[in-house]
Amino acid sequence: MEFTKTKNNTWLLSGNLTFENISKVIDKASDFSWQHSVNLDLSCVGDVDTSLLALIFHWKRLAKANKKNVFIFSAPENLMKLAKLYGAEEFISSKN
């Protein structure tokens, strides 16, 4: 699992993002300054589970508290299926 800041406050996540390694993502996300909205590029993500969905909701709440947003790019199909299952597609809507 990798979590790298690229440009324009875009963060590239790659690898599997499941319960087993989600804490690494949480630690890296402490680098979010919330001075700007955050872009999450999920184009290189493999397996996911509901822990990533919960983490995205958490980031969206933090962003809202700071009057910013979290934009999701290239969400994997399995994440979109989980979001649909929980009735949360509008929170994860992907920008490709």
PDB file of N, CA and C in Angstrom:
ATOM      1  N   MET A   1       0.842  -1.164   0.000  1.00  0.00           N
ATOM      2  CA  MET A   1       0.000   0.000   0.000  1.00  0.00           C
ATOM      3  C   MET A   1       0.893   1.234   0.000  1.00  0.00           C
ATOM      4  N   GLU A   2       0.609   2.149  -0.912  1.00  0.00           N
ATOM      5  CA  GLU A   2       1.333   3.412  -0.990  1.00  0.00           C
ATOM      6  C   GLU A   2       0.340   4.566  -0.961  1.00  0.00           C
ATOM      7  N   PHE A   3       0.774   5.680  -0.392  1.00  0.00           N
ATOM      8  CA  PHE A   3      -0.058   6.880  -0.299  1.00  0.00           C
ATOM      9  C   PHE A   3       0.879   8.053  -0.529  1.00  0.00           C
ATOM     10  N   THR A   4       0.829   8.655  -1.729  1.00  0.00           N
ATOM     11  CA  THR A   4       1.809   9.641  -2.139  1.00  0.00           C
ATOM     12  C   THR A   4       1.144  10.925  -2.586  1.00  0.00           C
ATOM     13  N   LYS A   5       1.667  12.051  -2.124  1.00  0.00           N
ATOM     14  CA  LYS A   5       1.169  13.344  -2.592  1.00  0.00           C
ATOM     15  C   LYS A   5       1.817  13.640  -3.938  1.00  0.00           C
ATOM     16  N   THR A   6       0.996  14.021  -4.914  1.00  0.00           N
ATOM     17  CA  THR A   6       1.531  14.341  -6.232  1.00  0.00           C
ATOM     18  C   THR A   6       1.476  15.854  -6.437  1.00  0.00           C
ATOM     19  N   LYS A   7       0.545  16.355  -7.207  1.00  0.00           N
ATOM     20  CA  LYS A   7       0.451  17.803  -7.431  1.00  0.00           C
ATOM     21  C   LYS A   7      -0.967  18.284  -7.151  1.00  0.00           C
ATOM     22  N   ASN A   8      -1.125  19.569  -6.973  1.00  0.00           N
ATOM     23  CA  ASN A   8      -2.440  20.187  -6.753  1.00  0.00           C
ATOM     24  C   ASN A   8      -3.224  19.531  -5.620  1.00  0.00           C
ATOM     25  N   ASN A   9      -2.540  19.221  -4.538  1.00  0.00           N
ATOM     26  CA  ASN A   9      -3.135  18.585  -3.366  1.00  0.00           C
ATOM     27  C   ASN A   9      -3.857  17.287  -3.735  1.00  0.00           C
ATOM     28  N   THR A  10      -3.262  16.564  -4.685  1.00  0.00           N
ATOM     29  CA  THR A  10      -3.762  15.257  -5.099  1.00  0.00           C
ATOM     30  C   THR A  10      -2.922  14.182  -4.430  1.00  0.00           C
ATOM     31  N   TRP A  11      -3.600  13.183  -3.909  1.00  0.00           N
ATOM     32  CA  TRP A  11      -2.953  12.067  -3.231  1.00  0.00           C
ATOM     33  C   TRP A  11      -3.268  10.803  -4.000  1.00  0.00           C
ATOM     34  N   LEU A  12      -2.249  10.074  -4.398  1.00  0.00           N
ATOM     35  CA  LEU A  12      -2.390   8.822  -5.128  1.00  0.00           C
ATOM     36  C   LEU A  12      -2.313   7.664  -4.144  1.00  0.00           C
ATOM     37  N   LEU A  13      -3.364   6.886  -4.104  1.00  0.00           N
ATOM     38  CA  LEU A  13      -3.382   5.683  -3.279  1.00  0.00           C
ATOM     39  C   LEU A  13      -3.216   4.496  -4.201  1.00  0.00           C
ATOM     40  N   SER A  14      -2.385   3.545  -3.797  1.00  0.00           N
ATOM     41  CA  SER A  14      -2.194   2.356  -4.609  1.00  0.00           C
ATOM     42  C   SER A  14      -2.055   1.132  -3.714  1.00  0.00           C
ATOM     43  N   GLY A  15      -2.378  -0.012  -4.283  1.00  0.00           N
ATOM     44  CA  GLY A  15      -2.323  -1.251  -3.530  1.00  0.00           C
ATOM     45  C   GLY A  15      -3.680  -1.599  -2.947  1.00  0.00           C
ATOM     46  N   ASN A  16      -3.691  -2.531  -2.024  1.00  0.00           N
ATOM     47  CA  ASN A  16      -4.924  -2.961  -1.369  1.00  0.00           C
ATOM     48  C   ASN A  16      -5.198  -2.080  -0.164  1.00  0.00           C
ATOM     49  N   LEU A  17      -6.432  -1.648  -0.028  1.00  0.00           N
ATOM     50  CA  LEU A  17      -6.826  -0.801   1.096  1.00  0.00           C
ATOM     51  C   LEU A  17      -7.941  -1.511   1.858  1.00  0.00           C
ATOM     52  N   THR A  18      -7.509  -2.325   2.800  1.00  0.00           N
ATOM     53  CA  THR A  18      -8.437  -3.118   3.593  1.00  0.00           C
ATOM     54  C   THR A  18      -8.137  -2.916   5.077  1.00  0.00           C
ATOM     55  N   PHE A  19      -8.930  -3.552   5.898  1.00  0.00           N
ATOM     56  CA  PHE A  19      -8.781  -3.426   7.344  1.00  0.00           C
ATOM     57  C   PHE A  19      -7.347  -3.684   7.802  1.00  0.00           C
ATOM     58  N   GLU A  20      -6.668  -4.605   7.142  1.00  0.00           N
ATOM     59  CA  GLU A  20      -5.314  -4.986   7.561  1.00  0.00           C
ATOM     60  C   GLU A  20      -4.302  -3.845   7.434  1.00  0.00           C
ATOM     61  N   ASN A  21      -4.494  -2.933   6.485  1.00  0.00           N
ATOM     62  CA  ASN A  21      -3.481  -1.889   6.293  1.00  0.00           C
ATOM     63  C   ASN A  21      -4.040  -0.469   6.279  1.00  0.00           C
ATOM     64  N   ILE A  22      -5.287  -0.295   6.620  1.00  0.00           N
ATOM     65  CA  ILE A  22      -5.901   1.034   6.549  1.00  0.00           C
ATOM     66  C   ILE A  22      -5.259   2.005   7.543  1.00  0.00           C
ATOM     67  N   SER A  23      -4.687   1.500   8.634  1.00  0.00           N
ATOM     68  CA  SER A  23      -4.071   2.395   9.624  1.00  0.00           C
ATOM     69  C   SER A  23      -2.895   3.167   9.018  1.00  0.00           C
ATOM     70  N   LYS A  24      -2.187   2.562   8.055  1.00  0.00           N
ATOM     71  CA  LYS A  24      -1.095   3.273   7.386  1.00  0.00           C
ATOM     72  C   LYS A  24      -1.620   4.475   6.616  1.00  0.00           C
ATOM     73  N   VAL A  25      -2.784   4.318   6.008  1.00  0.00           N
ATOM     74  CA  VAL A  25      -3.397   5.418   5.262  1.00  0.00           C
ATOM     75  C   VAL A  25      -3.831   6.516   6.227  1.00  0.00           C
ATOM     76  N   ILE A  26      -4.382   6.117   7.357  1.00  0.00           N
ATOM     77  CA  ILE A  26      -4.819   7.098   8.361  1.00  0.00           C
ATOM     78  C   ILE A  26      -3.623   7.924   8.834  1.00  0.00           C
ATOM     79  N   ASP A  27      -2.505   7.267   9.085  1.00  0.00           N
ATOM     80  CA  ASP A  27      -1.304   7.976   9.534  1.00  0.00           C
ATOM     81  C   ASP A  27      -0.827   8.982   8.488  1.00  0.00           C
ATOM     82  N   LYS A  28      -0.787   8.571   7.217  1.00  0.00           N
ATOM     83  CA  LYS A  28      -0.323   9.469   6.157  1.00  0.00           C
ATOM     84  C   LYS A  28      -1.286  10.633   5.942  1.00  0.00           C
ATOM     85  N   ALA A  29      -2.569  10.409   6.175  1.00  0.00           N
ATOM     86  CA  ALA A  29      -3.562  11.454   5.958  1.00  0.00           C
ATOM     87  C   ALA A  29      -3.417  12.591   6.956  1.00  0.00           C
ATOM     88  N   SER A  30      -2.634  12.398   7.996  1.00  0.00           N
ATOM     89  CA  SER A  30      -2.391  13.503   8.925  1.00  0.00           C
ATOM     90  C   SER A  30      -1.627  14.628   8.227  1.00  0.00           C
ATOM     91  N   ASP A  31      -1.085  14.341   7.034  1.00  0.00           N
ATOM     92  CA  ASP A  31      -0.409  15.370   6.249  1.00  0.00           C
ATOM     93  C   ASP A  31      -1.381  16.307   5.533  1.00  0.00           C
ATOM     94  N   PHE A  32      -2.665  15.969   5.526  1.00  0.00           N
ATOM     95  CA  PHE A  32      -3.658  16.867   4.920  1.00  0.00           C
ATOM     96  C   PHE A  32      -3.660  18.158   5.735  1.00  0.00           C
ATOM     97  N   SER A  33      -3.459  19.277   5.079  1.00  0.00           N
ATOM     98  CA  SER A  33      -3.441  20.541   5.802  1.00  0.00           C
ATOM     99  C   SER A  33      -4.829  21.167   5.872  1.00  0.00           C
ATOM    100  N   TRP A  34      -5.721  20.752   5.009  1.00  0.00           N
ATOM    101  CA  TRP A  34      -7.068  21.289   4.882  1.00  0.00           C
ATOM    102  C   TRP A  34      -7.072  22.765   4.533  1.00  0.00           C
ATOM    103  N   GLN A  35      -5.949  23.279   4.015  1.00  0.00           N
ATOM    104  CA  GLN A  35      -5.942  24.636   3.476  1.00  0.00           C
ATOM    105  C   GLN A  35      -6.626  24.647   2.114  1.00  0.00           C
ATOM    106  N   HIS A  36      -6.647  23.475   1.475  1.00  0.00           N
ATOM    107  CA  HIS A  36      -7.283  23.296   0.174  1.00  0.00           C
ATOM    108  C   HIS A  36      -8.078  22.005   0.212  1.00  0.00           C
ATOM    109  N   SER A  37      -8.985  21.865  -0.742  1.00  0.00           N
ATOM    110  CA  SER A  37      -9.684  20.598  -0.877  1.00  0.00           C
ATOM    111  C   SER A  37      -8.681  19.515  -1.258  1.00  0.00           C
ATOM    112  N   VAL A  38      -9.032  18.281  -0.973  1.00  0.00           N
ATOM    113  CA  VAL A  38      -8.152  17.144  -1.213  1.00  0.00           C
ATOM    114  C   VAL A  38      -8.699  16.318  -2.373  1.00  0.00           C
ATOM    115  N   ASN A  39      -7.809  15.938  -3.278  1.00  0.00           N
ATOM    116  CA  ASN A  39      -8.148  15.064  -4.397  1.00  0.00           C
ATOM    117  C   ASN A  39      -7.545  13.697  -4.117  1.00  0.00           C
ATOM    118  N   LEU A  40      -8.365  12.664  -4.154  1.00  0.00           N
ATOM    119  CA  LEU A  40      -7.889  11.300  -3.942  1.00  0.00           C
ATOM    120  C   LEU A  40      -7.964  10.544  -5.259  1.00  0.00           C
ATOM    121  N   ASP A  41      -6.818  10.132  -5.771  1.00  0.00           N
ATOM    122  CA  ASP A  41      -6.741   9.353  -6.991  1.00  0.00           C
ATOM    123  C   ASP A  41      -6.657   7.885  -6.600  1.00  0.00           C
ATOM    124  N   LEU A  42      -7.701   7.138  -6.894  1.00  0.00           N
ATOM    125  CA  LEU A  42      -7.768   5.729  -6.518  1.00  0.00           C
ATOM    126  C   LEU A  42      -7.540   4.808  -7.714  1.00  0.00           C
ATOM    127  N   SER A  43      -6.957   5.326  -8.770  1.00  0.00           N
ATOM    128  CA  SER A  43      -6.797   4.559 -10.008  1.00  0.00           C
ATOM    129  C   SER A  43      -5.885   3.344  -9.851  1.00  0.00           C
ATOM    130  N   CYS A  44      -5.045   3.323  -8.847  1.00  0.00           N
ATOM    131  CA  CYS A  44      -4.105   2.205  -8.655  1.00  0.00           C
ATOM    132  C   CYS A  44      -4.462   1.334  -7.454  1.00  0.00           C
ATOM    133  N   VAL A  45      -5.690   1.458  -6.962  1.00  0.00           N
ATOM    134  CA  VAL A  45      -6.126   0.694  -5.794  1.00  0.00           C
ATOM    135  C   VAL A  45      -6.602  -0.679  -6.240  1.00  0.00           C
ATOM    136  N   GLY A  46      -6.237  -1.699  -5.469  1.00  0.00           N
ATOM    137  CA  GLY A  46      -6.667  -3.072  -5.738  1.00  0.00           C
ATOM    138  C   GLY A  46      -7.881  -3.419  -4.902  1.00  0.00           C
ATOM    139  N   ASP A  47      -7.715  -4.315  -3.952  1.00  0.00           N
ATOM    140  CA  ASP A  47      -8.809  -4.742  -3.084  1.00  0.00           C
ATOM    141  C   ASP A  47      -9.164  -3.655  -2.084  1.00  0.00           C
ATOM    142  N   VAL A  48     -10.457  -3.534  -1.805  1.00  0.00           N
ATOM    143  CA  VAL A  48     -10.940  -2.615  -0.780  1.00  0.00           C
ATOM    144  C   VAL A  48     -11.997  -3.342   0.044  1.00  0.00           C
ATOM    145  N   ASP A  49     -12.272  -2.789   1.213  1.00  0.00           N
ATOM    146  CA  ASP A  49     -13.399  -3.255   2.000  1.00  0.00           C
ATOM    147  C   ASP A  49     -14.056  -2.035   2.631  1.00  0.00           C
ATOM    148  N   THR A  50     -14.970  -2.262   3.535  1.00  0.00           N
ATOM    149  CA  THR A  50     -15.732  -1.146   4.100  1.00  0.00           C
ATOM    150  C   THR A  50     -14.873  -0.192   4.920  1.00  0.00           C
ATOM    151  N   SER A  51     -13.685  -0.605   5.322  1.00  0.00           N
ATOM    152  CA  SER A  51     -12.832   0.313   6.092  1.00  0.00           C
ATOM    153  C   SER A  51     -12.433   1.515   5.236  1.00  0.00           C
ATOM    154  N   LEU A  52     -12.212   1.340   3.940  1.00  0.00           N
ATOM    155  CA  LEU A  52     -11.906   2.485   3.072  1.00  0.00           C
ATOM    156  C   LEU A  52     -13.125   3.380   2.939  1.00  0.00           C
ATOM    157  N   LEU A  53     -14.283   2.800   2.824  1.00  0.00           N
ATOM    158  CA  LEU A  53     -15.514   3.583   2.749  1.00  0.00           C
ATOM    159  C   LEU A  53     -15.675   4.434   4.008  1.00  0.00           C
ATOM    160  N   ALA A  54     -15.466   3.835   5.169  1.00  0.00           N
ATOM    161  CA  ALA A  54     -15.563   4.564   6.436  1.00  0.00           C
ATOM    162  C   ALA A  54     -14.521   5.682   6.507  1.00  0.00           C
ATOM    163  N   LEU A  55     -13.320   5.412   6.024  1.00  0.00           N
ATOM    164  CA  LEU A  55     -12.266   6.416   6.053  1.00  0.00           C
ATOM    165  C   LEU A  55     -12.603   7.596   5.145  1.00  0.00           C
ATOM    166  N   ILE A  56     -13.154   7.326   3.993  1.00  0.00           N
ATOM    167  CA  ILE A  56     -13.563   8.407   3.089  1.00  0.00           C
ATOM    168  C   ILE A  56     -14.635   9.263   3.752  1.00  0.00           C
ATOM    169  N   PHE A  57     -15.605   8.628   4.424  1.00  0.00           N
ATOM    170  CA  PHE A  57     -16.629   9.395   5.148  1.00  0.00           C
ATOM    171  C   PHE A  57     -15.985  10.272   6.217  1.00  0.00           C
ATOM    172  N   HIS A  58     -15.005   9.734   6.928  1.00  0.00           N
ATOM    173  CA  HIS A  58     -14.303  10.499   7.958  1.00  0.00           C
ATOM    174  C   HIS A  58     -13.603  11.715   7.347  1.00  0.00           C
ATOM    175  N   TRP A  59     -12.882  11.494   6.236  1.00  0.00           N
ATOM    176  CA  TRP A  59     -12.204  12.610   5.574  1.00  0.00           C
ATOM    177  C   TRP A  59     -13.192  13.656   5.088  1.00  0.00           C
ATOM    178  N   LYS A  60     -14.344  13.210   4.591  1.00  0.00           N
ATOM    179  CA  LYS A  60     -15.358  14.166   4.117  1.00  0.00           C
ATOM    180  C   LYS A  60     -15.885  15.013   5.281  1.00  0.00           C
ATOM    181  N   ARG A  61     -16.056  14.404   6.452  1.00  0.00           N
ATOM    182  CA  ARG A  61     -16.496  15.177   7.627  1.00  0.00           C
ATOM    183  C   ARG A  61     -15.434  16.199   8.032  1.00  0.00           C
ATOM    184  N   LEU A  62     -14.155  15.786   8.030  1.00  0.00           N
ATOM    185  CA  LEU A  62     -13.066  16.721   8.355  1.00  0.00           C
ATOM    186  C   LEU A  62     -13.007  17.860   7.339  1.00  0.00           C
ATOM    187  N   ALA A  63     -13.152  17.513   6.087  1.00  0.00           N
ATOM    188  CA  ALA A  63     -13.120  18.534   5.038  1.00  0.00           C
ATOM    189  C   ALA A  63     -14.255  19.531   5.236  1.00  0.00           C
ATOM    190  N   LYS A  64     -15.442  19.028   5.492  1.00  0.00           N
ATOM    191  CA  LYS A  64     -16.594  19.909   5.696  1.00  0.00           C
ATOM    192  C   LYS A  64     -16.371  20.837   6.887  1.00  0.00           C
ATOM    193  N   ALA A  65     -15.788  20.316   7.961  1.00  0.00           N
ATOM    194  CA  ALA A  65     -15.506  21.132   9.140  1.00  0.00           C
ATOM    195  C   ALA A  65     -14.518  22.255   8.814  1.00  0.00           C
ATOM    196  N   ASN A  66     -13.683  22.027   7.795  1.00  0.00           N
ATOM    197  CA  ASN A  66     -12.703  23.023   7.376  1.00  0.00           C
ATOM    198  C   ASN A  66     -13.143  23.786   6.126  1.00  0.00           C
ATOM    199  N   LYS A  67     -14.427  23.633   5.777  1.00  0.00           N
ATOM    200  CA  LYS A  67     -15.015  24.302   4.604  1.00  0.00           C
ATOM    201  C   LYS A  67     -14.289  23.941   3.307  1.00  0.00           C
ATOM    202  N   LYS A  68     -13.890  22.677   3.207  1.00  0.00           N
ATOM    203  CA  LYS A  68     -13.220  22.139   2.021  1.00  0.00           C
ATOM    204  C   LYS A  68     -13.984  20.902   1.559  1.00  0.00           C
ATOM    205  N   ASN A  69     -13.421  20.184   0.608  1.00  0.00           N
ATOM    206  CA  ASN A  69     -14.065  18.971   0.115  1.00  0.00           C
ATOM    207  C   ASN A  69     -13.025  17.910  -0.178  1.00  0.00           C
ATOM    208  N   VAL A  70     -13.492  16.693  -0.334  1.00  0.00           N
ATOM    209  CA  VAL A  70     -12.664  15.573  -0.768  1.00  0.00           C
ATOM    210  C   VAL A  70     -13.254  15.089  -2.083  1.00  0.00           C
ATOM    211  N   PHE A  71     -12.447  15.120  -3.125  1.00  0.00           N
ATOM    212  CA  PHE A  71     -12.881  14.669  -4.432  1.00  0.00           C
ATOM    213  C   PHE A  71     -12.239  13.317  -4.726  1.00  0.00           C
ATOM    214  N   ILE A  72     -13.038  12.383  -5.204  1.00  0.00           N
ATOM    215  CA  ILE A  72     -12.577  11.039  -5.503  1.00  0.00           C
ATOM    216  C   ILE A  72     -12.410  10.913  -7.016  1.00  0.00           C
ATOM    217  N   PHE A  73     -11.252  10.447  -7.442  1.00  0.00           N
ATOM    218  CA  PHE A  73     -10.984  10.220  -8.859  1.00  0.00           C
ATOM    219  C   PHE A  73     -10.717   8.741  -9.085  1.00  0.00           C
ATOM    220  N   SER A  74     -11.314   8.215 -10.129  1.00  0.00           N
ATOM    221  CA  SER A  74     -11.065   6.837 -10.568  1.00  0.00           C
ATOM    222  C   SER A  74     -11.291   5.810  -9.463  1.00  0.00           C
ATOM    223  N   ALA A  75     -12.429   5.913  -8.812  1.00  0.00           N
ATOM    224  CA  ALA A  75     -12.762   4.943  -7.766  1.00  0.00           C
ATOM    225  C   ALA A  75     -12.912   3.555  -8.384  1.00  0.00           C
ATOM    226  N   PRO A  76     -12.324   2.533  -7.759  1.00  0.00           N
ATOM    227  CA  PRO A  76     -12.452   1.186  -8.297  1.00  0.00           C
ATOM    228  C   PRO A  76     -13.898   0.694  -8.217  1.00  0.00           C
ATOM    229  N   GLU A  77     -14.221  -0.197  -9.121  1.00  0.00           N
ATOM    230  CA  GLU A  77     -15.587  -0.713  -9.199  1.00  0.00           C
ATOM    231  C   GLU A  77     -16.034  -1.350  -7.889  1.00  0.00           C
ATOM    232  N   ASN A  78     -15.120  -2.062  -7.210  1.00  0.00           N
ATOM    233  CA  ASN A  78     -15.511  -2.717  -5.964  1.00  0.00           C
ATOM    234  C   ASN A  78     -15.858  -1.700  -4.865  1.00  0.00           C
ATOM    235  N   LEU A  79     -15.220  -0.538  -4.853  1.00  0.00           N
ATOM    236  CA  LEU A  79     -15.580   0.511  -3.898  1.00  0.00           C
ATOM    237  C   LEU A  79     -16.956   1.082  -4.237  1.00  0.00           C
ATOM    238  N   MET A  80     -17.222   1.270  -5.522  1.00  0.00           N
ATOM    239  CA  MET A  80     -18.524   1.796  -5.939  1.00  0.00           C
ATOM    240  C   MET A  80     -19.639   0.807  -5.601  1.00  0.00           C
ATOM    241  N   LYS A  81     -19.370  -0.490  -5.709  1.00  0.00           N
ATOM    242  CA  LYS A  81     -20.368  -1.493  -5.342  1.00  0.00           C
ATOM    243  C   LYS A  81     -20.670  -1.447  -3.846  1.00  0.00           C
ATOM    244  N   LEU A  82     -19.634  -1.276  -3.034  1.00  0.00           N
ATOM    245  CA  LEU A  82     -19.846  -1.142  -1.586  1.00  0.00           C
ATOM    246  C   LEU A  82     -20.652   0.119  -1.276  1.00  0.00           C
ATOM    247  N   ALA A  83     -20.308   1.215  -1.927  1.00  0.00           N
ATOM    248  CA  ALA A  83     -21.034   2.467  -1.707  1.00  0.00           C
ATOM    249  C   ALA A  83     -22.505   2.303  -2.081  1.00  0.00           C
ATOM    250  N   LYS A  84     -22.763   1.624  -3.181  1.00  0.00           N
ATOM    251  CA  LYS A  84     -24.147   1.387  -3.600  1.00  0.00           C
ATOM    252  C   LYS A  84     -24.873   0.518  -2.578  1.00  0.00           C
ATOM    253  N   LEU A  85     -24.204  -0.514  -2.090  1.00  0.00           N
ATOM    254  CA  LEU A  85     -24.790  -1.411  -1.098  1.00  0.00           C
ATOM    255  C   LEU A  85     -25.234  -0.637   0.148  1.00  0.00           C
ATOM    256  N   TYR A  86     -24.443   0.364   0.548  1.00  0.00           N
ATOM    257  CA  TYR A  86     -24.748   1.161   1.742  1.00  0.00           C
ATOM    258  C   TYR A  86     -25.521   2.433   1.420  1.00  0.00           C
ATOM    259  N   GLY A  87     -25.932   2.602   0.166  1.00  0.00           N
ATOM    260  CA  GLY A  87     -26.713   3.782  -0.223  1.00  0.00           C
ATOM    261  C   GLY A  87     -25.903   5.062  -0.143  1.00  0.00           C
ATOM    262  N   ALA A  88     -24.620   4.982  -0.441  1.00  0.00           N
ATOM    263  CA  ALA A  88     -23.737   6.144  -0.286  1.00  0.00           C
ATOM    264  C   ALA A  88     -23.025   6.519  -1.579  1.00  0.00           C
ATOM    265  N   GLU A  89     -23.601   6.165  -2.724  1.00  0.00           N
ATOM    266  CA  GLU A  89     -22.923   6.448  -4.002  1.00  0.00           C
ATOM    267  C   GLU A  89     -22.614   7.925  -4.190  1.00  0.00           C
ATOM    268  N   GLU A  90     -23.529   8.793  -3.740  1.00  0.00           N
ATOM    269  CA  GLU A  90     -23.327  10.223  -3.949  1.00  0.00           C
ATOM    270  C   GLU A  90     -22.120  10.762  -3.177  1.00  0.00           C
ATOM    271  N   PHE A  91     -21.709  10.077  -2.119  1.00  0.00           N
ATOM    272  CA  PHE A  91     -20.552  10.512  -1.344  1.00  0.00           C
ATOM    273  C   PHE A  91     -19.234  10.050  -1.960  1.00  0.00           C
ATOM    274  N   ILE A  92     -19.314   9.038  -2.807  1.00  0.00           N
ATOM    275  CA  ILE A  92     -18.114   8.460  -3.395  1.00  0.00           C
ATOM    276  C   ILE A  92     -18.076   8.712  -4.903  1.00  0.00           C
ATOM    277  N   SER A  93     -19.058   9.432  -5.418  1.00  0.00           N
ATOM    278  CA  SER A  93     -19.136   9.595  -6.867  1.00  0.00           C
ATOM    279  C   SER A  93     -17.753   9.930  -7.431  1.00  0.00           C
ATOM    280  N   SER A  94     -17.380   9.151  -8.408  1.00  0.00           N
ATOM    281  CA  SER A  94     -16.026   9.198  -8.968  1.00  0.00           C
ATOM    282  C   SER A  94     -15.947  10.187 -10.109  1.00  0.00           C
ATOM    283  N   LYS A  95     -14.824  10.888 -10.175  1.00  0.00           N
ATOM    284  CA  LYS A  95     -14.522  11.772 -11.292  1.00  0.00           C
ATOM    285  C   LYS A  95     -13.412  11.103 -12.080  1.00  0.00           C
ATOM    286  N   ASN A  96     -13.708  10.677 -13.272  1.00  0.00           N
ATOM    287  CA  ASN A  96     -12.708   9.988 -14.082  1.00  0.00           C
ATOM    288  C   ASN A  96     -12.111  10.919 -15.105  1.00  0.00           C
TER     289      ASN A  96
END
